[in-house]
Amino acid sequence: LLKEWEQHPDMLKEYFAMYFSVYNNLLGFLVFKKQYKEAFVRILLLKQKIKTVSTISAPVIKEILRLYNMELEIHRTLKGLHTTHEIIDEIQSFINKHKTLVPNNYWLSFRFQFANIYFLKKDYKKALFWINDIINNLTKKDRQDLITYTYWLNLLVHYELGNGFTLRYLIDNFKKLLKKQKNIDSYEKIILKFLSKTAEDSPTKKRTAFVTLRTQLEEHPI
């Protein structure tokens, strides 16, 4: 299909959003099959094509956001990549430029992904930057599931940093938030208790505690 489009440059220019959609479907397949090298090369080629488009319409913006989501998925999987900061800056700049055409929850989703990727890379300072950016700018229209995940991620960052005192305070506040939304599930109680009690333990103690935690979670599955 892509070859068919590329043989008709005039149509390609006129219906670029349709071509872009087909291209994104291929990229999604490559990412699913873990063919990251080919996906990366194709992403770079596609970005060159995007630069030749004179008018960035709403459908093209939607496809660019799809493209960025797939690119972030590769960065989330391949933790050793050194260009993560550049792609995050690029996404931030693009969304700022087209703010009126990007739904708020798209931006929320991207910021959560930024925090999550930095957490996986053990760059806790940058992870906290994006977590705080979400928490300090909450609105009633925000997706509640992403907000809840952000609070969980906040706890995990402080746990990795060994901030026991701060963590206990955050856990108390988070419990109140969860109670407003629903009953706290048994697995949530187990994890929150674990985080609170073991944050300042030695690595040896933590290893033992993690074994116990796994057993408890298997006894109380989600």
N, C-alpha and C. Protein backbone atom coordinates (compact mmCIF):
# COMPACT_ATOMS: atom_id res chain seq x y z
N LEU A 1 0.83 -1.21 0.00
CA LEU A 1 0.00 0.00 0.00
C LEU A 1 0.86 1.26 0.00
N LEU A 2 1.90 1.26 0.83
CA LEU A 2 2.78 2.45 0.89
C LEU A 2 3.47 2.68 -0.45
N LYS A 3 3.90 1.59 -1.09
CA LYS A 3 4.54 1.74 -2.41
C LYS A 3 3.57 2.32 -3.43
N GLU A 4 2.30 1.87 -3.34
CA GLU A 4 1.27 2.42 -4.24
C GLU A 4 1.15 3.94 -4.05
N TRP A 5 1.07 4.36 -2.78
CA TRP A 5 0.96 5.80 -2.48
C TRP A 5 2.17 6.55 -3.02
N GLU A 6 3.36 6.00 -2.79
CA GLU A 6 4.59 6.71 -3.12
C GLU A 6 4.82 6.83 -4.63
N GLN A 7 4.09 6.01 -5.41
CA GLN A 7 4.18 6.12 -6.86
C GLN A 7 3.30 7.25 -7.41
N HIS A 8 2.50 7.88 -6.52
CA HIS A 8 1.61 8.97 -6.92
C HIS A 8 1.84 10.17 -6.00
N PRO A 9 2.96 10.88 -6.18
CA PRO A 9 3.33 11.98 -5.28
C PRO A 9 2.27 13.08 -5.15
N ASP A 10 1.52 13.35 -6.25
CA ASP A 10 0.48 14.39 -6.17
C ASP A 10 -0.64 14.00 -5.22
N MET A 11 -1.07 12.73 -5.33
CA MET A 11 -2.12 12.23 -4.43
C MET A 11 -1.60 12.15 -3.00
N LEU A 12 -0.34 11.75 -2.88
CA LEU A 12 0.28 11.64 -1.56
C LEU A 12 0.24 12.97 -0.83
N LYS A 13 0.54 14.05 -1.57
CA LYS A 13 0.53 15.39 -0.98
C LYS A 13 -0.88 15.80 -0.58
N GLU A 14 -1.87 15.44 -1.44
CA GLU A 14 -3.25 15.86 -1.19
C GLU A 14 -3.89 15.06 -0.05
N TYR A 15 -3.56 13.77 0.02
CA TYR A 15 -4.18 12.89 1.03
C TYR A 15 -3.13 12.35 1.99
N PHE A 16 -2.25 13.25 2.46
CA PHE A 16 -1.12 12.82 3.29
C PHE A 16 -1.58 12.13 4.58
N ALA A 17 -2.68 12.59 5.17
CA ALA A 17 -3.16 12.00 6.44
C ALA A 17 -3.50 10.52 6.26
N MET A 18 -4.07 10.15 5.09
CA MET A 18 -4.41 8.75 4.82
C MET A 18 -3.14 7.90 4.67
N TYR A 19 -2.18 8.44 3.93
CA TYR A 19 -0.89 7.77 3.78
C TYR A 19 -0.23 7.58 5.15
N PHE A 20 -0.25 8.64 5.96
CA PHE A 20 0.34 8.64 7.31
C PHE A 20 -0.30 7.54 8.17
N SER A 21 -1.62 7.40 8.06
CA SER A 21 -2.34 6.39 8.84
C SER A 21 -1.88 4.98 8.48
N VAL A 22 -1.72 4.73 7.17
CA VAL A 22 -1.24 3.41 6.72
C VAL A 22 0.17 3.17 7.24
N TYR A 23 1.00 4.21 7.16
CA TYR A 23 2.39 4.12 7.62
C TYR A 23 2.43 3.80 9.13
N ASN A 24 1.58 4.46 9.91
CA ASN A 24 1.53 4.21 11.36
C ASN A 24 1.08 2.79 11.67
N ASN A 25 0.18 2.26 10.83
CA ASN A 25 -0.25 0.86 11.04
C ASN A 25 0.93 -0.09 10.87
N LEU A 26 1.78 0.18 9.87
CA LEU A 26 2.97 -0.63 9.67
C LEU A 26 3.93 -0.49 10.85
N LEU A 27 4.13 0.75 11.32
CA LEU A 27 5.02 0.97 12.47
C LEU A 27 4.50 0.24 13.71
N GLY A 28 3.19 0.29 13.92
CA GLY A 28 2.59 -0.41 15.05
C GLY A 28 2.85 -1.91 14.98
N PHE A 29 2.79 -2.47 13.76
CA PHE A 29 3.07 -3.89 13.57
C PHE A 29 4.54 -4.19 13.87
N LEU A 30 5.45 -3.34 13.39
CA LEU A 30 6.88 -3.56 13.63
C LEU A 30 7.22 -3.51 15.12
N VAL A 31 6.61 -2.55 15.83
CA VAL A 31 6.83 -2.44 17.28
C VAL A 31 6.28 -3.68 17.98
N PHE A 32 5.09 -4.13 17.56
CA PHE A 32 4.48 -5.33 18.14
C PHE A 32 5.39 -6.55 17.94
N LYS A 33 6.04 -6.64 16.77
CA LYS A 33 6.94 -7.77 16.47
C LYS A 33 8.36 -7.55 17.00
N LYS A 34 8.54 -6.44 17.74
CA LYS A 34 9.84 -6.11 18.34
C LYS A 34 10.94 -5.87 17.29
N GLN A 35 10.54 -5.44 16.11
CA GLN A 35 11.51 -5.10 15.05
C GLN A 35 11.84 -3.61 15.16
N TYR A 36 12.50 -3.28 16.27
CA TYR A 36 12.70 -1.87 16.63
C TYR A 36 13.65 -1.13 15.69
N LYS A 37 14.68 -1.84 15.19
CA LYS A 37 15.65 -1.19 14.31
C LYS A 37 14.96 -0.70 13.03
N GLU A 38 14.16 -1.58 12.40
CA GLU A 38 13.44 -1.18 11.19
C GLU A 38 12.44 -0.07 11.49
N ALA A 39 11.77 -0.19 12.64
CA ALA A 39 10.80 0.84 13.03
C ALA A 39 11.49 2.20 13.17
N PHE A 40 12.66 2.22 13.80
CA PHE A 40 13.40 3.47 13.99
C PHE A 40 13.78 4.12 12.65
N VAL A 41 14.28 3.29 11.72
CA VAL A 41 14.67 3.82 10.40
C VAL A 41 13.45 4.40 9.70
N ARG A 42 12.33 3.69 9.75
CA ARG A 42 11.11 4.16 9.09
C ARG A 42 10.55 5.43 9.75
N ILE A 43 10.69 5.52 11.07
CA ILE A 43 10.24 6.73 11.78
C ILE A 43 11.02 7.94 11.29
N LEU A 44 12.34 7.79 11.17
CA LEU A 44 13.18 8.90 10.68
C LEU A 44 12.80 9.31 9.26
N LEU A 45 12.53 8.32 8.38
CA LEU A 45 12.13 8.61 7.01
C LEU A 45 10.79 9.33 6.98
N LEU A 46 9.87 8.88 7.83
CA LEU A 46 8.54 9.49 7.87
C LEU A 46 8.62 10.93 8.37
N LYS A 47 9.47 11.18 9.36
CA LYS A 47 9.61 12.54 9.89
C LYS A 47 10.16 13.49 8.81
N GLN A 48 11.01 12.95 7.93
CA GLN A 48 11.49 13.78 6.82
C GLN A 48 10.35 14.13 5.88
N LYS A 49 9.45 13.16 5.63
CA LYS A 49 8.30 13.41 4.76
C LYS A 49 7.36 14.45 5.38
N ILE A 50 7.18 14.38 6.71
CA ILE A 50 6.29 15.31 7.40
C ILE A 50 6.76 16.76 7.19
N LYS A 51 8.09 16.95 7.15
CA LYS A 51 8.66 18.30 6.97
C LYS A 51 8.29 18.91 5.62
N THR A 52 7.95 18.06 4.65
CA THR A 52 7.62 18.56 3.31
C THR A 52 6.15 18.96 3.19
N VAL A 53 5.35 18.65 4.23
CA VAL A 53 3.92 18.97 4.18
C VAL A 53 3.73 20.43 4.55
N SER A 54 3.07 21.17 3.70
CA SER A 54 2.93 22.63 3.93
C SER A 54 1.94 22.96 5.03
N THR A 55 0.81 22.23 5.08
CA THR A 55 -0.23 22.51 6.08
C THR A 55 -0.41 21.32 7.00
N ILE A 56 -0.24 21.54 8.31
CA ILE A 56 -0.44 20.48 9.30
C ILE A 56 -1.89 20.53 9.76
N SER A 57 -2.73 19.65 9.22
CA SER A 57 -4.15 19.62 9.55
C SER A 57 -4.39 18.82 10.83
N ALA A 58 -5.61 18.90 11.35
CA ALA A 58 -5.97 18.16 12.57
C ALA A 58 -5.77 16.64 12.40
N PRO A 59 -6.19 16.03 11.24
CA PRO A 59 -5.93 14.60 11.06
C PRO A 59 -4.44 14.25 11.06
N VAL A 60 -3.60 15.13 10.49
CA VAL A 60 -2.15 14.88 10.48
C VAL A 60 -1.60 14.98 11.90
N ILE A 61 -2.09 15.94 12.69
CA ILE A 61 -1.66 16.07 14.08
C ILE A 61 -1.99 14.80 14.86
N LYS A 62 -3.18 14.26 14.62
CA LYS A 62 -3.59 13.01 15.28
C LYS A 62 -2.61 11.88 14.96
N GLU A 63 -2.19 11.79 13.68
CA GLU A 63 -1.26 10.74 13.28
C GLU A 63 0.14 10.98 13.85
N ILE A 64 0.54 12.25 13.95
CA ILE A 64 1.84 12.56 14.56
C ILE A 64 1.86 12.11 16.03
N LEU A 65 0.75 12.32 16.73
CA LEU A 65 0.66 11.89 18.12
C LEU A 65 0.72 10.37 18.24
N ARG A 66 0.08 9.68 17.28
CA ARG A 66 0.18 8.21 17.22
C ARG A 66 1.64 7.79 17.05
N LEU A 67 2.31 8.48 16.14
CA LEU A 67 3.72 8.19 15.87
C LEU A 67 4.57 8.37 17.13
N TYR A 68 4.34 9.46 17.84
CA TYR A 68 5.10 9.73 19.06
C TYR A 68 4.84 8.64 20.12
N ASN A 69 3.59 8.19 20.22
CA ASN A 69 3.28 7.12 21.17
C ASN A 69 4.09 5.86 20.89
N MET A 70 4.21 5.51 19.60
CA MET A 70 4.98 4.31 19.24
C MET A 70 6.47 4.52 19.51
N GLU A 71 6.94 5.73 19.24
CA GLU A 71 8.36 6.03 19.50
C GLU A 71 8.67 5.92 20.99
N LEU A 72 7.74 6.42 21.82
CA LEU A 72 7.93 6.32 23.27
C LEU A 72 7.89 4.86 23.74
N GLU A 73 7.06 4.05 23.09
CA GLU A 73 7.00 2.63 23.46
C GLU A 73 8.35 1.96 23.22
N ILE A 74 9.02 2.34 22.15
CA ILE A 74 10.36 1.78 21.88
C ILE A 74 11.33 2.24 22.97
N HIS A 75 11.27 3.51 23.34
CA HIS A 75 12.16 4.02 24.40
C HIS A 75 11.86 3.36 25.75
N ARG A 76 10.58 3.06 25.99
CA ARG A 76 10.21 2.40 27.24
C ARG A 76 10.75 0.97 27.30
N THR A 77 10.81 0.32 26.14
CA THR A 77 11.27 -1.07 26.07
C THR A 77 12.79 -1.15 26.05
N LEU A 78 13.43 -0.29 25.23
CA LEU A 78 14.89 -0.30 25.12
C LEU A 78 15.45 0.77 26.06
N LYS A 79 15.66 0.39 27.31
CA LYS A 79 16.04 1.37 28.34
C LYS A 79 17.42 1.99 28.11
N GLY A 80 18.25 1.37 27.25
CA GLY A 80 19.60 1.88 27.03
C GLY A 80 19.70 2.99 26.00
N LEU A 81 18.59 3.35 25.38
CA LEU A 81 18.64 4.41 24.35
C LEU A 81 19.04 5.75 24.97
N HIS A 82 19.87 6.50 24.26
CA HIS A 82 20.39 7.77 24.80
C HIS A 82 19.68 9.00 24.24
N THR A 83 18.67 8.79 23.40
CA THR A 83 18.01 9.94 22.77
C THR A 83 16.63 10.22 23.38
N THR A 84 16.34 9.60 24.54
CA THR A 84 15.02 9.77 25.16
C THR A 84 14.72 11.23 25.46
N HIS A 85 15.71 11.93 26.01
CA HIS A 85 15.48 13.33 26.38
C HIS A 85 15.13 14.18 25.15
N GLU A 86 15.81 13.89 24.03
CA GLU A 86 15.56 14.65 22.79
C GLU A 86 14.14 14.43 22.27
N ILE A 87 13.67 13.17 22.29
CA ILE A 87 12.32 12.89 21.78
C ILE A 87 11.26 13.50 22.69
N ILE A 88 11.51 13.49 24.00
CA ILE A 88 10.56 14.10 24.94
C ILE A 88 10.50 15.61 24.73
N ASP A 89 11.65 16.24 24.52
CA ASP A 89 11.68 17.68 24.20
C ASP A 89 10.92 17.97 22.91
N GLU A 90 11.11 17.09 21.92
CA GLU A 90 10.45 17.25 20.62
C GLU A 90 8.92 17.18 20.77
N ILE A 91 8.46 16.20 21.54
CA ILE A 91 7.01 16.04 21.76
C ILE A 91 6.45 17.25 22.50
N GLN A 92 7.15 17.67 23.54
CA GLN A 92 6.71 18.84 24.31
C GLN A 92 6.60 20.08 23.42
N SER A 93 7.59 20.29 22.59
CA SER A 93 7.60 21.45 21.69
C SER A 93 6.44 21.36 20.69
N PHE A 94 6.21 20.16 20.14
CA PHE A 94 5.13 19.97 19.16
C PHE A 94 3.76 20.25 19.78
N ILE A 95 3.54 19.72 21.00
CA ILE A 95 2.24 19.91 21.65
C ILE A 95 2.03 21.37 22.03
N ASN A 96 3.06 22.03 22.49
CA ASN A 96 2.94 23.47 22.79
C ASN A 96 2.57 24.28 21.55
N LYS A 97 3.14 23.88 20.43
CA LYS A 97 2.88 24.58 19.16
C LYS A 97 1.45 24.38 18.67
N HIS A 98 0.89 23.19 18.94
CA HIS A 98 -0.46 22.86 18.44
C HIS A 98 -1.44 22.63 19.59
N LYS A 99 -1.28 23.38 20.66
CA LYS A 99 -2.03 23.18 21.89
C LYS A 99 -3.54 23.16 21.68
N THR A 100 -4.04 24.03 20.82
CA THR A 100 -5.50 24.14 20.64
C THR A 100 -6.09 22.90 19.96
N LEU A 101 -5.26 22.13 19.27
CA LEU A 101 -5.75 20.95 18.56
C LEU A 101 -5.42 19.63 19.25
N VAL A 102 -4.74 19.72 20.40
CA VAL A 102 -4.37 18.49 21.14
C VAL A 102 -5.23 18.40 22.41
N PRO A 103 -6.08 17.36 22.52
CA PRO A 103 -6.91 17.22 23.72
C PRO A 103 -6.05 17.15 24.99
N ASN A 104 -6.58 17.70 26.09
CA ASN A 104 -5.83 17.73 27.36
C ASN A 104 -5.38 16.35 27.82
N ASN A 105 -6.25 15.34 27.63
CA ASN A 105 -5.89 14.00 28.10
C ASN A 105 -4.77 13.36 27.29
N TYR A 106 -4.56 13.83 26.04
CA TYR A 106 -3.40 13.38 25.27
C TYR A 106 -2.14 13.87 25.95
N TRP A 107 -2.14 15.15 26.34
CA TRP A 107 -0.98 15.75 26.99
C TRP A 107 -0.74 15.10 28.35
N LEU A 108 -1.82 14.80 29.07
CA LEU A 108 -1.70 14.10 30.35
C LEU A 108 -1.06 12.73 30.14
N SER A 109 -1.52 12.00 29.12
CA SER A 109 -0.99 10.67 28.82
C SER A 109 0.50 10.74 28.49
N PHE A 110 0.89 11.73 27.70
CA PHE A 110 2.31 11.87 27.34
C PHE A 110 3.16 12.17 28.57
N ARG A 111 2.68 13.08 29.43
CA ARG A 111 3.46 13.42 30.63
C ARG A 111 3.62 12.22 31.55
N PHE A 112 2.55 11.41 31.66
CA PHE A 112 2.66 10.19 32.47
C PHE A 112 3.70 9.24 31.87
N GLN A 113 3.69 9.14 30.54
CA GLN A 113 4.68 8.28 29.88
C GLN A 113 6.10 8.79 30.10
N PHE A 114 6.29 10.11 30.04
CA PHE A 114 7.62 10.68 30.30
C PHE A 114 8.11 10.26 31.70
N ALA A 115 7.23 10.44 32.69
CA ALA A 115 7.58 10.10 34.07
C ALA A 115 7.91 8.62 34.19
N ASN A 116 7.10 7.79 33.55
CA ASN A 116 7.27 6.35 33.62
C ASN A 116 8.59 5.91 32.98
N ILE A 117 8.91 6.48 31.81
CA ILE A 117 10.15 6.12 31.12
C ILE A 117 11.37 6.53 31.95
N TYR A 118 11.35 7.74 32.50
CA TYR A 118 12.47 8.18 33.34
C TYR A 118 12.60 7.32 34.59
N PHE A 119 11.47 6.88 35.14
CA PHE A 119 11.51 5.97 36.29
C PHE A 119 12.21 4.67 35.92
N LEU A 120 11.83 4.10 34.77
CA LEU A 120 12.44 2.85 34.32
C LEU A 120 13.93 3.02 34.05
N LYS A 121 14.34 4.22 33.63
CA LYS A 121 15.76 4.51 33.38
C LYS A 121 16.49 4.90 34.67
N LYS A 122 15.76 4.92 35.78
CA LYS A 122 16.31 5.29 37.10
C LYS A 122 16.76 6.74 37.17
N ASP A 123 16.18 7.57 36.32
CA ASP A 123 16.44 9.01 36.39
C ASP A 123 15.28 9.61 37.21
N TYR A 124 15.38 9.48 38.53
CA TYR A 124 14.25 9.80 39.41
C TYR A 124 13.97 11.30 39.48
N LYS A 125 15.00 12.11 39.28
CA LYS A 125 14.81 13.57 39.31
C LYS A 125 13.86 14.00 38.18
N LYS A 126 14.12 13.48 36.96
CA LYS A 126 13.26 13.84 35.83
C LYS A 126 11.89 13.20 35.96
N ALA A 127 11.83 12.00 36.52
CA ALA A 127 10.53 11.34 36.75
C ALA A 127 9.68 12.19 37.68
N LEU A 128 10.29 12.68 38.76
CA LEU A 128 9.56 13.52 39.72
C LEU A 128 9.12 14.85 39.10
N PHE A 129 9.95 15.37 38.20
CA PHE A 129 9.57 16.63 37.53
C PHE A 129 8.23 16.48 36.83
N TRP A 130 8.07 15.37 36.06
CA TRP A 130 6.83 15.18 35.30
C TRP A 130 5.67 14.75 36.19
N ILE A 131 5.97 13.99 37.24
CA ILE A 131 4.92 13.61 38.20
C ILE A 131 4.35 14.87 38.86
N ASN A 132 5.24 15.75 39.31
CA ASN A 132 4.80 16.99 39.96
C ASN A 132 4.07 17.91 38.98
N ASP A 133 4.50 17.89 37.72
CA ASP A 133 3.82 18.70 36.70
C ASP A 133 2.37 18.26 36.55
N ILE A 134 2.12 16.94 36.64
CA ILE A 134 0.74 16.43 36.55
C ILE A 134 -0.03 16.78 37.81
N ILE A 135 0.53 16.45 38.97
CA ILE A 135 -0.17 16.62 40.25
C ILE A 135 -0.47 18.09 40.54
N ASN A 136 0.45 18.98 40.16
CA ASN A 136 0.26 20.41 40.44
C ASN A 136 -0.66 21.11 39.43
N ASN A 137 -1.07 20.39 38.39
CA ASN A 137 -1.92 21.01 37.36
C ASN A 137 -3.17 20.17 37.09
N LEU A 138 -3.71 19.56 38.13
CA LEU A 138 -4.89 18.70 37.97
C LEU A 138 -6.13 19.51 37.60
N THR A 139 -6.98 18.90 36.76
CA THR A 139 -8.28 19.50 36.46
C THR A 139 -9.35 18.42 36.60
N LYS A 140 -10.60 18.84 36.70
CA LYS A 140 -11.71 17.89 36.86
C LYS A 140 -11.92 17.03 35.62
N LYS A 141 -11.41 17.49 34.48
CA LYS A 141 -11.59 16.75 33.23
C LYS A 141 -10.53 15.67 33.01
N ASP A 142 -9.51 15.63 33.87
CA ASP A 142 -8.42 14.66 33.69
C ASP A 142 -8.91 13.23 33.88
N ARG A 143 -8.29 12.32 33.13
CA ARG A 143 -8.61 10.89 33.27
C ARG A 143 -8.19 10.40 34.65
N GLN A 144 -9.16 9.91 35.42
CA GLN A 144 -8.88 9.51 36.80
C GLN A 144 -7.93 8.32 36.89
N ASP A 145 -7.99 7.40 35.91
CA ASP A 145 -7.09 6.25 35.98
C ASP A 145 -5.63 6.70 35.86
N LEU A 146 -5.36 7.65 34.97
CA LEU A 146 -3.99 8.15 34.81
C LEU A 146 -3.52 8.93 36.04
N ILE A 147 -4.44 9.65 36.65
CA ILE A 147 -4.09 10.38 37.88
C ILE A 147 -3.72 9.39 38.99
N THR A 148 -4.52 8.34 39.12
CA THR A 148 -4.24 7.31 40.14
C THR A 148 -2.89 6.65 39.87
N TYR A 149 -2.62 6.31 38.60
CA TYR A 149 -1.33 5.70 38.25
C TYR A 149 -0.18 6.65 38.56
N THR A 150 -0.41 7.95 38.38
CA THR A 150 0.63 8.94 38.66
C THR A 150 0.96 8.96 40.15
N TYR A 151 -0.07 8.88 40.99
CA TYR A 151 0.17 8.84 42.44
C TYR A 151 0.93 7.57 42.84
N TRP A 152 0.57 6.44 42.21
CA TRP A 152 1.32 5.20 42.48
C TRP A 152 2.78 5.37 42.08
N LEU A 153 3.00 5.91 40.90
CA LEU A 153 4.36 6.10 40.41
C LEU A 153 5.15 7.04 41.33
N ASN A 154 4.47 8.05 41.86
CA ASN A 154 5.10 8.97 42.81
C ASN A 154 5.61 8.21 44.04
N LEU A 155 4.80 7.29 44.53
CA LEU A 155 5.20 6.49 45.69
C LEU A 155 6.43 5.65 45.36
N LEU A 156 6.44 5.04 44.17
CA LEU A 156 7.56 4.17 43.79
C LEU A 156 8.85 4.95 43.63
N VAL A 157 8.77 6.17 43.10
CA VAL A 157 9.97 7.00 42.96
C VAL A 157 10.55 7.32 44.34
N HIS A 158 9.70 7.75 45.26
CA HIS A 158 10.18 8.08 46.61
C HIS A 158 10.68 6.83 47.34
N TYR A 159 10.10 5.69 47.04
CA TYR A 159 10.59 4.43 47.62
C TYR A 159 12.00 4.14 47.14
N GLU A 160 12.23 4.27 45.83
CA GLU A 160 13.57 4.03 45.27
C GLU A 160 14.59 5.02 45.82
N LEU A 161 14.13 6.23 46.15
CA LEU A 161 15.04 7.24 46.71
C LEU A 161 15.26 7.06 48.21
N GLY A 162 14.50 6.14 48.81
CA GLY A 162 14.64 5.87 50.25
C GLY A 162 14.08 6.98 51.12
N ASN A 163 13.11 7.74 50.59
CA ASN A 163 12.51 8.84 51.36
C ASN A 163 11.38 8.33 52.26
N GLY A 164 11.76 7.62 53.32
CA GLY A 164 10.79 6.97 54.19
C GLY A 164 9.78 7.91 54.81
N PHE A 165 10.26 9.03 55.37
CA PHE A 165 9.35 9.97 56.05
C PHE A 165 8.35 10.57 55.06
N THR A 166 8.86 11.05 53.92
CA THR A 166 8.00 11.63 52.88
C THR A 166 7.01 10.59 52.37
N LEU A 167 7.49 9.36 52.20
CA LEU A 167 6.66 8.28 51.66
C LEU A 167 5.46 7.99 52.56
N ARG A 168 5.70 7.94 53.87
CA ARG A 168 4.58 7.65 54.79
C ARG A 168 3.51 8.75 54.73
N TYR A 169 3.96 9.99 54.60
CA TYR A 169 3.03 11.11 54.47
C TYR A 169 2.23 10.99 53.16
N LEU A 170 2.92 10.67 52.07
CA LEU A 170 2.27 10.53 50.76
C LEU A 170 1.28 9.37 50.75
N ILE A 171 1.65 8.28 51.42
CA ILE A 171 0.76 7.10 51.48
C ILE A 171 -0.53 7.43 52.22
N ASP A 172 -0.42 8.15 53.32
CA ASP A 172 -1.63 8.55 54.08
C ASP A 172 -2.57 9.37 53.20
N ASN A 173 -2.02 10.32 52.45
CA ASN A 173 -2.82 11.15 51.56
C ASN A 173 -3.42 10.34 50.41
N PHE A 174 -2.63 9.41 49.90
CA PHE A 174 -3.09 8.58 48.79
C PHE A 174 -4.24 7.67 49.23
N LYS A 175 -4.16 7.14 50.44
CA LYS A 175 -5.25 6.30 50.97
C LYS A 175 -6.55 7.08 51.02
N LYS A 176 -6.47 8.34 51.45
CA LYS A 176 -7.68 9.18 51.51
C LYS A 176 -8.26 9.37 50.11
N LEU A 177 -7.36 9.58 49.14
CA LEU A 177 -7.80 9.76 47.75
C LEU A 177 -8.48 8.49 47.23
N LEU A 178 -7.87 7.34 47.49
CA LEU A 178 -8.45 6.08 47.02
C LEU A 178 -9.81 5.81 47.65
N LYS A 179 -9.94 6.13 48.95
CA LYS A 179 -11.21 5.90 49.64
C LYS A 179 -12.34 6.74 49.05
N LYS A 180 -12.00 7.92 48.54
CA LYS A 180 -13.02 8.76 47.90
C LYS A 180 -13.50 8.14 46.59
N GLN A 181 -12.61 7.41 45.92
CA GLN A 181 -12.94 6.83 44.62
C GLN A 181 -13.63 5.47 44.75
N LYS A 182 -13.14 4.65 45.70
CA LYS A 182 -13.62 3.27 45.82
C LYS A 182 -13.07 2.66 47.11
N ASN A 183 -13.45 1.42 47.38
CA ASN A 183 -12.83 0.70 48.48
C ASN A 183 -11.39 0.34 48.09
N ILE A 184 -10.49 0.41 49.07
CA ILE A 184 -9.10 0.04 48.79
C ILE A 184 -9.01 -1.48 48.69
N ASP A 185 -8.53 -1.98 47.55
CA ASP A 185 -8.43 -3.43 47.34
C ASP A 185 -7.35 -4.02 48.23
N SER A 186 -7.47 -5.34 48.48
CA SER A 186 -6.53 -6.01 49.38
C SER A 186 -5.09 -5.92 48.87
N TYR A 187 -4.89 -6.07 47.55
CA TYR A 187 -3.53 -5.99 47.01
C TYR A 187 -2.95 -4.59 47.19
N GLU A 188 -3.82 -3.56 47.11
CA GLU A 188 -3.36 -2.19 47.30
C GLU A 188 -2.91 -1.98 48.76
N LYS A 189 -3.70 -2.50 49.69
CA LYS A 189 -3.33 -2.39 51.11
C LYS A 189 -1.98 -3.06 51.37
N ILE A 190 -1.79 -4.24 50.77
CA ILE A 190 -0.55 -4.99 50.95
C ILE A 190 0.65 -4.19 50.43
N ILE A 191 0.51 -3.63 49.23
CA ILE A 191 1.62 -2.89 48.62
C ILE A 191 1.92 -1.60 49.39
N LEU A 192 0.86 -0.90 49.80
CA LEU A 192 1.06 0.36 50.55
C LEU A 192 1.75 0.09 51.89
N LYS A 193 1.34 -0.98 52.56
CA LYS A 193 1.97 -1.34 53.84
C LYS A 193 3.44 -1.70 53.62
N PHE A 194 3.70 -2.45 52.55
CA PHE A 194 5.07 -2.84 52.22
C PHE A 194 5.95 -1.62 51.97
N LEU A 195 5.45 -0.68 51.16
CA LEU A 195 6.23 0.52 50.83
C LEU A 195 6.55 1.33 52.08
N SER A 196 5.55 1.45 52.95
CA SER A 196 5.71 2.25 54.17
C SER A 196 6.73 1.63 55.12
N LYS A 197 6.68 0.30 55.28
CA LYS A 197 7.49 -0.37 56.30
C LYS A 197 8.92 -0.67 55.87
N THR A 198 9.16 -0.78 54.53
CA THR A 198 10.49 -1.25 54.10
C THR A 198 11.33 -0.19 53.40
N ALA A 199 10.82 1.03 53.28
CA ALA A 199 11.51 2.08 52.50
C ALA A 199 12.95 2.31 52.96
N GLU A 200 13.17 2.26 54.26
CA GLU A 200 14.51 2.58 54.78
C GLU A 200 15.29 1.34 55.22
N ASP A 201 14.80 0.16 54.83
CA ASP A 201 15.50 -1.09 55.17
C ASP A 201 16.76 -1.26 54.33
N SER A 202 17.64 -2.12 54.80
CA SER A 202 18.86 -2.45 54.04
C SER A 202 18.48 -3.30 52.82
N PRO A 203 19.35 -3.36 51.80
CA PRO A 203 19.07 -4.18 50.62
C PRO A 203 18.77 -5.65 50.97
N THR A 204 19.50 -6.19 51.95
CA THR A 204 19.28 -7.59 52.35
C THR A 204 17.88 -7.78 52.92
N LYS A 205 17.47 -6.86 53.81
CA LYS A 205 16.13 -6.93 54.38
C LYS A 205 15.05 -6.78 53.31
N LYS A 206 15.31 -5.89 52.36
CA LYS A 206 14.34 -5.67 51.28
C LYS A 206 14.15 -6.91 50.44
N ARG A 207 15.25 -7.62 50.14
CA ARG A 207 15.14 -8.83 49.33
C ARG A 207 14.23 -9.85 50.01
N THR A 208 14.40 -10.01 51.31
CA THR A 208 13.54 -10.93 52.07
C THR A 208 12.09 -10.45 52.06
N ALA A 209 11.92 -9.14 52.23
CA ALA A 209 10.57 -8.56 52.26
C ALA A 209 9.86 -8.72 50.92
N PHE A 210 10.62 -8.62 49.83
CA PHE A 210 10.02 -8.77 48.49
C PHE A 210 9.50 -10.19 48.27
N VAL A 211 10.22 -11.18 48.81
CA VAL A 211 9.77 -12.58 48.70
C VAL A 211 8.42 -12.74 49.42
N THR A 212 8.33 -12.16 50.62
CA THR A 212 7.08 -12.21 51.39
C THR A 212 5.96 -11.48 50.65
N LEU A 213 6.31 -10.32 50.08
CA LEU A 213 5.32 -9.52 49.33
C LEU A 213 4.75 -10.34 48.18
N ARG A 214 5.61 -11.01 47.45
CA ARG A 214 5.14 -11.81 46.30
C ARG A 214 4.16 -12.89 46.76
N THR A 215 4.49 -13.55 47.86
CA THR A 215 3.61 -14.61 48.39
C THR A 215 2.25 -14.03 48.76
N GLN A 216 2.27 -12.87 49.44
CA GLN A 216 1.01 -12.23 49.86
C GLN A 216 0.16 -11.83 48.65
N LEU A 217 0.81 -11.30 47.61
CA LEU A 217 0.07 -10.87 46.42
C LEU A 217 -0.52 -12.07 45.66
N GLU A 218 0.19 -13.18 45.67
CA GLU A 218 -0.33 -14.39 45.01
C GLU A 218 -1.52 -14.96 45.77
N GLU A 219 -1.55 -14.72 47.07
CA GLU A 219 -2.68 -15.19 47.89
C GLU A 219 -3.89 -14.28 47.72
N HIS A 220 -3.65 -13.02 47.33
CA HIS A 220 -4.74 -12.04 47.12
C HIS A 220 -4.61 -11.45 45.72
N PRO A 221 -4.91 -12.26 44.68
CA PRO A 221 -4.73 -11.75 43.31
C PRO A 221 -5.67 -10.60 42.96
N ILE A 222 -5.27 -9.81 41.99
CA ILE A 222 -6.08 -8.67 41.56
C ILE A 222 -7.37 -9.18 40.93
